[in-house]
PDB file of N, CA and C in Angstrom:
ATOM      1  N   UNK A   1       5.401  54.472-111.821  1.00  0.00           N
ATOM      2  CA  UNK A   1       5.358  53.412-112.779  1.00  0.00           C
ATOM      3  C   UNK A   1       6.577  52.532-112.556  1.00  0.00           C
ATOM      4  N   UNK A   2       6.325  51.229-112.606  1.00  0.00           N
ATOM      5  CA  UNK A   2       7.445  50.302-112.551  1.00  0.00           C
ATOM      6  C   UNK A   2       7.436  49.451-113.815  1.00  0.00           C
ATOM      7  N   UNK A   3       8.634  49.124-114.251  1.00  0.00           N
ATOM      8  CA  UNK A   3       8.780  48.295-115.436  1.00  0.00           C
ATOM      9  C   UNK A   3      10.034  47.452-115.294  1.00  0.00           C
ATOM     10  N   UNK A   4      10.091  46.397-116.085  1.00  0.00           N
ATOM     11  CA  UNK A   4      11.278  45.554-116.141  1.00  0.00           C
ATOM     12  C   UNK A   4      11.614  45.324-117.612  1.00  0.00           C
ATOM     13  N   UNK A   5      12.875  45.112-117.863  1.00  0.00           N
ATOM     14  CA  UNK A   5      13.297  44.792-119.230  1.00  0.00           C
ATOM     15  C   UNK A   5      12.976  43.337-119.516  1.00  0.00           C
ATOM     16  N   UNK A   6      12.518  43.083-120.726  1.00  0.00           N
ATOM     17  CA  UNK A   6      12.277  41.727-121.215  1.00  0.00           C
ATOM     18  C   UNK A   6      13.181  41.562-122.431  1.00  0.00           C
ATOM     19  N   UNK A   7      14.387  41.123-122.175  1.00  0.00           N
ATOM     20  CA  UNK A   7      15.382  41.085-123.238  1.00  0.00           C
ATOM     21  C   UNK A   7      15.953  42.475-123.447  1.00  0.00           C
ATOM     22  N   UNK A   8      16.399  42.726-124.667  1.00  0.00           N
ATOM     23  CA  UNK A   8      17.024  44.025-124.958  1.00  0.00           C
ATOM     24  C   UNK A   8      16.133  44.961-125.755  1.00  0.00           C
ATOM     25  N   UNK A   9      14.969  44.452-126.176  1.00  0.00           N
ATOM     26  CA  UNK A   9      14.139  45.275-127.056  1.00  0.00           C
ATOM     27  C   UNK A   9      12.698  45.459-126.590  1.00  0.00           C
ATOM     28  N   UNK A  10      12.423  45.120-125.322  1.00  0.00           N
ATOM     29  CA  UNK A  10      11.067  45.275-124.791  1.00  0.00           C
ATOM     30  C   UNK A  10      11.122  45.620-123.306  1.00  0.00           C
ATOM     31  N   UNK A  11      10.130  46.380-122.874  1.00  0.00           N
ATOM     32  CA  UNK A  11       9.929  46.576-121.441  1.00  0.00           C
ATOM     33  C   UNK A  11       8.511  46.140-121.102  1.00  0.00           C
ATOM     34  N   UNK A  12       8.356  45.670-119.887  1.00  0.00           N
ATOM     35  CA  UNK A  12       7.053  45.283-119.372  1.00  0.00           C
ATOM     36  C   UNK A  12       6.667  46.304-118.306  1.00  0.00           C
ATOM     37  N   UNK A  13       5.570  47.016-118.539  1.00  0.00           N
ATOM     38  CA  UNK A  13       5.047  47.923-117.517  1.00  0.00           C
ATOM     39  C   UNK A  13       4.151  47.077-116.624  1.00  0.00           C
ATOM     40  N   UNK A  14       4.555  46.939-115.355  1.00  0.00           N
ATOM     41  CA  UNK A  14       3.795  46.068-114.458  1.00  0.00           C
ATOM     42  C   UNK A  14       3.004  46.818-113.384  1.00  0.00           C
ATOM     43  N   UNK A  15       3.226  48.118-113.272  1.00  0.00           N
ATOM     44  CA  UNK A  15       2.452  48.892-112.289  1.00  0.00           C
ATOM     45  C   UNK A  15       2.509  50.370-112.651  1.00  0.00           C
ATOM     46  N   UNK A  16       1.377  51.019-112.546  1.00  0.00           N
ATOM     47  CA  UNK A  16       1.295  52.471-112.697  1.00  0.00           C
ATOM     48  C   UNK A  16       0.413  52.980-111.567  1.00  0.00           C
ATOM     49  N   UNK A  17       0.925  53.914-110.821  1.00  0.00           N
ATOM     50  CA  UNK A  17       0.147  54.449-109.711  1.00  0.00           C
ATOM     51  C   UNK A  17       0.528  55.889-109.430  1.00  0.00           C
ATOM     52  N   UNK A  18      -0.419  56.624-108.893  1.00  0.00           N
ATOM     53  CA  UNK A  18      -0.171  58.011-108.502  1.00  0.00           C
ATOM     54  C   UNK A  18      -0.719  58.223-107.101  1.00  0.00           C
ATOM     55  N   UNK A  19      -0.198  59.206-106.422  1.00  0.00           N
ATOM     56  CA  UNK A  19      -0.674  59.545-105.088  1.00  0.00           C
ATOM     57  C   UNK A  19      -2.071  60.144-105.144  1.00  0.00           C
ATOM     58  N   UNK A  20      -2.705  60.178-103.996  1.00  0.00           N
ATOM     59  CA  UNK A  20      -4.086  60.684-103.901  1.00  0.00           C
ATOM     60  C   UNK A  20      -4.240  62.075-104.501  1.00  0.00           C
ATOM     61  N   UNK A  21      -3.273  62.927-104.268  1.00  0.00           N
ATOM     62  CA  UNK A  21      -3.382  64.316-104.736  1.00  0.00           C
ATOM     63  C   UNK A  21      -3.407  64.418-106.262  1.00  0.00           C
ATOM     64  N   UNK A  22      -2.845  63.412-106.951  1.00  0.00           N
ATOM     65  CA  UNK A  22      -2.792  63.444-108.411  1.00  0.00           C
ATOM     66  C   UNK A  22      -3.857  62.598-109.098  1.00  0.00           C
ATOM     67  N   UNK A  23      -4.586  61.826-108.338  1.00  0.00           N
ATOM     68  CA  UNK A  23      -5.609  60.965-108.945  1.00  0.00           C
ATOM     69  C   UNK A  23      -6.646  61.791-109.691  1.00  0.00           C
ATOM     70  N   UNK A  24      -6.990  61.303-110.873  1.00  0.00           N
ATOM     71  CA  UNK A  24      -7.999  61.962-111.690  1.00  0.00           C
ATOM     72  C   UNK A  24      -7.517  63.192-112.432  1.00  0.00           C
ATOM     73  N   UNK A  25      -6.219  63.463-112.390  1.00  0.00           N
ATOM     74  CA  UNK A  25      -5.675  64.658-113.041  1.00  0.00           C
ATOM     75  C   UNK A  25      -4.834  64.337-114.266  1.00  0.00           C
ATOM     76  N   UNK A  26      -4.854  63.071-114.691  1.00  0.00           N
ATOM     77  CA  UNK A  26      -4.122  62.697-115.899  1.00  0.00           C
ATOM     78  C   UNK A  26      -2.661  62.369-115.697  1.00  0.00           C
ATOM     79  N   UNK A  27      -2.204  62.278-114.454  1.00  0.00           N
ATOM     80  CA  UNK A  27      -0.785  62.012-114.194  1.00  0.00           C
ATOM     81  C   UNK A  27      -0.371  60.631-114.707  1.00  0.00           C
ATOM     82  N   UNK A  28      -1.233  59.641-114.541  1.00  0.00           N
ATOM     83  CA  UNK A  28      -0.918  58.300-115.029  1.00  0.00           C
ATOM     84  C   UNK A  28      -0.766  58.284-116.538  1.00  0.00           C
ATOM     85  N   UNK A  29      -1.646  58.980-117.234  1.00  0.00           N
ATOM     86  CA  UNK A  29      -1.559  59.052-118.689  1.00  0.00           C
ATOM     87  C   UNK A  29      -0.298  59.782-119.134  1.00  0.00           C
ATOM     88  N   UNK A  30       0.108  60.794-118.373  1.00  0.00           N
ATOM     89  CA  UNK A  30       1.352  61.502-118.697  1.00  0.00           C
ATOM     90  C   UNK A  30       2.561  60.588-118.536  1.00  0.00           C
ATOM     91  N   UNK A  31       2.547  59.761-117.492  1.00  0.00           N
ATOM     92  CA  UNK A  31       3.652  58.806-117.321  1.00  0.00           C
ATOM     93  C   UNK A  31       3.705  57.829-118.488  1.00  0.00           C
ATOM     94  N   UNK A  32       2.553  57.349-118.913  1.00  0.00           N
ATOM     95  CA  UNK A  32       2.523  56.427-120.043  1.00  0.00           C
ATOM     96  C   UNK A  32       2.986  57.109-121.325  1.00  0.00           C
ATOM     97  N   UNK A  33       2.621  58.354-121.513  1.00  0.00           N
ATOM     98  CA  UNK A  33       3.075  59.096-122.694  1.00  0.00           C
ATOM     99  C   UNK A  33       4.598  59.198-122.705  1.00  0.00           C
ATOM    100  N   UNK A  34       5.188  59.414-121.541  1.00  0.00           N
ATOM    101  CA  UNK A  34       6.650  59.470-121.452  1.00  0.00           C
ATOM    102  C   UNK A  34       7.279  58.100-121.715  1.00  0.00           C
ATOM    103  N   UNK A  35       6.631  57.041-121.259  1.00  0.00           N
ATOM    104  CA  UNK A  35       7.129  55.685-121.537  1.00  0.00           C
ATOM    105  C   UNK A  35       7.092  55.411-123.038  1.00  0.00           C
ATOM    106  N   UNK A  36       6.035  55.844-123.700  1.00  0.00           N
ATOM    107  CA  UNK A  36       5.933  55.675-125.152  1.00  0.00           C
ATOM    108  C   UNK A  36       7.029  56.481-125.852  1.00  0.00           C
ATOM    109  N   UNK A  37       7.244  57.688-125.395  1.00  0.00           N
ATOM    110  CA  UNK A  37       8.298  58.539-125.962  1.00  0.00           C
ATOM    111  C   UNK A  37       9.665  57.863-125.803  1.00  0.00           C
ATOM    112  N   UNK A  38       9.910  57.304-124.626  1.00  0.00           N
ATOM    113  CA  UNK A  38      11.161  56.583-124.363  1.00  0.00           C
ATOM    114  C   UNK A  38      11.292  55.391-125.302  1.00  0.00           C
ATOM    115  N   UNK A  39      10.219  54.594-125.417  1.00  0.00           N
ATOM    116  CA  UNK A  39      10.250  53.402-126.273  1.00  0.00           C
ATOM    117  C   UNK A  39      10.545  53.785-127.720  1.00  0.00           C
ATOM    118  N   UNK A  40       9.905  54.811-128.188  1.00  0.00           N
ATOM    119  CA  UNK A  40      10.138  55.252-129.563  1.00  0.00           C
ATOM    120  C   UNK A  40      11.574  55.712-129.775  1.00  0.00           C
ATOM    121  N   UNK A  41      12.117  56.435-128.803  1.00  0.00           N
ATOM    122  CA  UNK A  41      13.484  56.944-128.941  1.00  0.00           C
ATOM    123  C   UNK A  41      14.519  55.820-128.934  1.00  0.00           C
ATOM    124  N   UNK A  42      14.195  54.714-128.263  1.00  0.00           N
ATOM    125  CA  UNK A  42      15.118  53.581-128.172  1.00  0.00           C
ATOM    126  C   UNK A  42      14.807  52.483-129.187  1.00  0.00           C
ATOM    127  N   UNK A  43      13.689  52.618-129.896  1.00  0.00           N
ATOM    128  CA  UNK A  43      13.293  51.605-130.865  1.00  0.00           C
ATOM    129  C   UNK A  43      12.891  50.289-130.213  1.00  0.00           C
ATOM    130  N   UNK A  44      12.222  50.384-129.054  1.00  0.00           N
ATOM    131  CA  UNK A  44      11.814  49.182-128.322  1.00  0.00           C
ATOM    132  C   UNK A  44      10.291  49.103-128.253  1.00  0.00           C
ATOM    133  N   UNK A  45       9.802  47.983-127.760  1.00  0.00           N
ATOM    134  CA  UNK A  45       8.363  47.757-127.621  1.00  0.00           C
ATOM    135  C   UNK A  45       7.992  47.728-126.146  1.00  0.00           C
ATOM    136  N   UNK A  46       6.692  47.921-125.876  1.00  0.00           N
ATOM    137  CA  UNK A  46       6.162  47.905-124.510  1.00  0.00           C
ATOM    138  C   UNK A  46       5.124  46.797-124.403  1.00  0.00           C
ATOM    139  N   UNK A  47       5.212  46.045-123.321  1.00  0.00           N
ATOM    140  CA  UNK A  47       4.202  45.054-122.977  1.00  0.00           C
ATOM    141  C   UNK A  47       3.479  45.593-121.744  1.00  0.00           C
ATOM    142  N   UNK A  48       2.233  46.057-121.894  1.00  0.00           N
ATOM    143  CA  UNK A  48       1.514  46.656-120.757  1.00  0.00           C
ATOM    144  C   UNK A  48       0.745  45.601-119.945  1.00  0.00           C
ATOM    145  N   UNK A  49       1.370  45.075-118.911  1.00  0.00           N
ATOM    146  CA  UNK A  49       0.691  44.108-118.050  1.00  0.00           C
ATOM    147  C   UNK A  49      -0.131  44.788-116.963  1.00  0.00           C
ATOM    148  N   UNK A  50       0.222  45.987-116.607  1.00  0.00           N
ATOM    149  CA  UNK A  50      -0.543  46.772-115.631  1.00  0.00           C
ATOM    150  C   UNK A  50      -1.935  47.037-116.215  1.00  0.00           C
ATOM    151  N   UNK A  51      -2.994  46.761-115.459  1.00  0.00           N
ATOM    152  CA  UNK A  51      -4.349  46.985-115.984  1.00  0.00           C
ATOM    153  C   UNK A  51      -4.614  48.420-116.450  1.00  0.00           C
ATOM    154  N   UNK A  52      -4.105  49.392-115.716  1.00  0.00           N
ATOM    155  CA  UNK A  52      -4.288  50.787-116.127  1.00  0.00           C
ATOM    156  C   UNK A  52      -3.579  51.049-117.450  1.00  0.00           C
ATOM    157  N   UNK A  53      -2.310  50.642-117.535  1.00  0.00           N
ATOM    158  CA  UNK A  53      -1.540  50.856-118.763  1.00  0.00           C
ATOM    159  C   UNK A  53      -2.211  50.149-119.937  1.00  0.00           C
ATOM    160  N   UNK A  54      -2.655  48.924-119.735  1.00  0.00           N
ATOM    161  CA  UNK A  54      -3.324  48.169-120.802  1.00  0.00           C
ATOM    162  C   UNK A  54      -4.565  48.914-121.280  1.00  0.00           C
ATOM    163  N   UNK A  55      -5.339  49.444-120.332  1.00  0.00           N
ATOM    164  CA  UNK A  55      -6.544  50.188-120.675  1.00  0.00           C
ATOM    165  C   UNK A  55      -6.225  51.416-121.517  1.00  0.00           C
ATOM    166  N   UNK A  56      -5.200  52.153-121.131  1.00  0.00           N
ATOM    167  CA  UNK A  56      -4.822  53.350-121.876  1.00  0.00           C
ATOM    168  C   UNK A  56      -4.327  52.965-123.272  1.00  0.00           C
ATOM    169  N   UNK A  57      -3.509  51.922-123.368  1.00  0.00           N
ATOM    170  CA  UNK A  57      -3.022  51.485-124.671  1.00  0.00           C
ATOM    171  C   UNK A  57      -4.179  51.042-125.559  1.00  0.00           C
ATOM    172  N   UNK A  58      -5.148  50.359-124.994  1.00  0.00           N
ATOM    173  CA  UNK A  58      -6.317  49.905-125.761  1.00  0.00           C
ATOM    174  C   UNK A  58      -7.136  51.071-126.304  1.00  0.00           C
ATOM    175  N   UNK A  59      -7.120  52.195-125.601  1.00  0.00           N
ATOM    176  CA  UNK A  59      -7.926  53.355-125.992  1.00  0.00           C
ATOM    177  C   UNK A  59      -7.138  54.404-126.788  1.00  0.00           C
ATOM    178  N   UNK A  60      -5.859  54.140-127.020  1.00  0.00           N
ATOM    179  CA  UNK A  60      -5.004  55.137-127.662  1.00  0.00           C
ATOM    180  C   UNK A  60      -4.344  54.529-128.899  1.00  0.00           C
ATOM    181  N   UNK A  61      -5.021  54.582-130.036  1.00  0.00           N
ATOM    182  CA  UNK A  61      -4.488  53.933-131.234  1.00  0.00           C
ATOM    183  C   UNK A  61      -3.138  54.477-131.706  1.00  0.00           C
ATOM    184  N   UNK A  62      -2.818  55.702-131.342  1.00  0.00           N
ATOM    185  CA  UNK A  62      -1.522  56.252-131.791  1.00  0.00           C
ATOM    186  C   UNK A  62      -0.334  55.621-131.054  1.00  0.00           C
ATOM    187  N   UNK A  63      -0.594  54.791-130.059  1.00  0.00           N
ATOM    188  CA  UNK A  63       0.484  54.091-129.357  1.00  0.00           C
ATOM    189  C   UNK A  63       0.746  52.696-129.928  1.00  0.00           C
ATOM    190  N   UNK A  64       0.006  52.286-130.943  1.00  0.00           N
ATOM    191  CA  UNK A  64       0.110  50.915-131.444  1.00  0.00           C
ATOM    192  C   UNK A  64       1.522  50.566-131.928  1.00  0.00           C
ATOM    193  N   UNK A  65       2.271  51.562-132.375  1.00  0.00           N
ATOM    194  CA  UNK A  65       3.609  51.281-132.904  1.00  0.00           C
ATOM    195  C   UNK A  65       4.584  50.772-131.849  1.00  0.00           C
ATOM    196  N   UNK A  66       4.297  50.997-130.574  1.00  0.00           N
ATOM    197  CA  UNK A  66       5.229  50.520-129.539  1.00  0.00           C
ATOM    198  C   UNK A  66       4.747  49.232-128.869  1.00  0.00           C
ATOM    199  N   UNK A  67       3.617  48.704-129.314  1.00  0.00           N
ATOM    200  CA  UNK A  67       3.124  47.451-128.748  1.00  0.00           C
ATOM    201  C   UNK A  67       3.746  46.252-129.427  1.00  0.00           C
TER     202      UNK A  67
END
């Protein structure tokens, strides 16, 4: 996963990817869960520009607090 800071209170997730061996095993979702955990601990928001991240955020209502 790659991200950049957008100011001091937001990060933009611009890419999420896993190697072939991890595809379909939930590794991408685990990375996003850790990003959400990080955002919550720092009191920041996430802007998911990566299509995968956006899709997961759209399907996971419990992440709405970090959007």
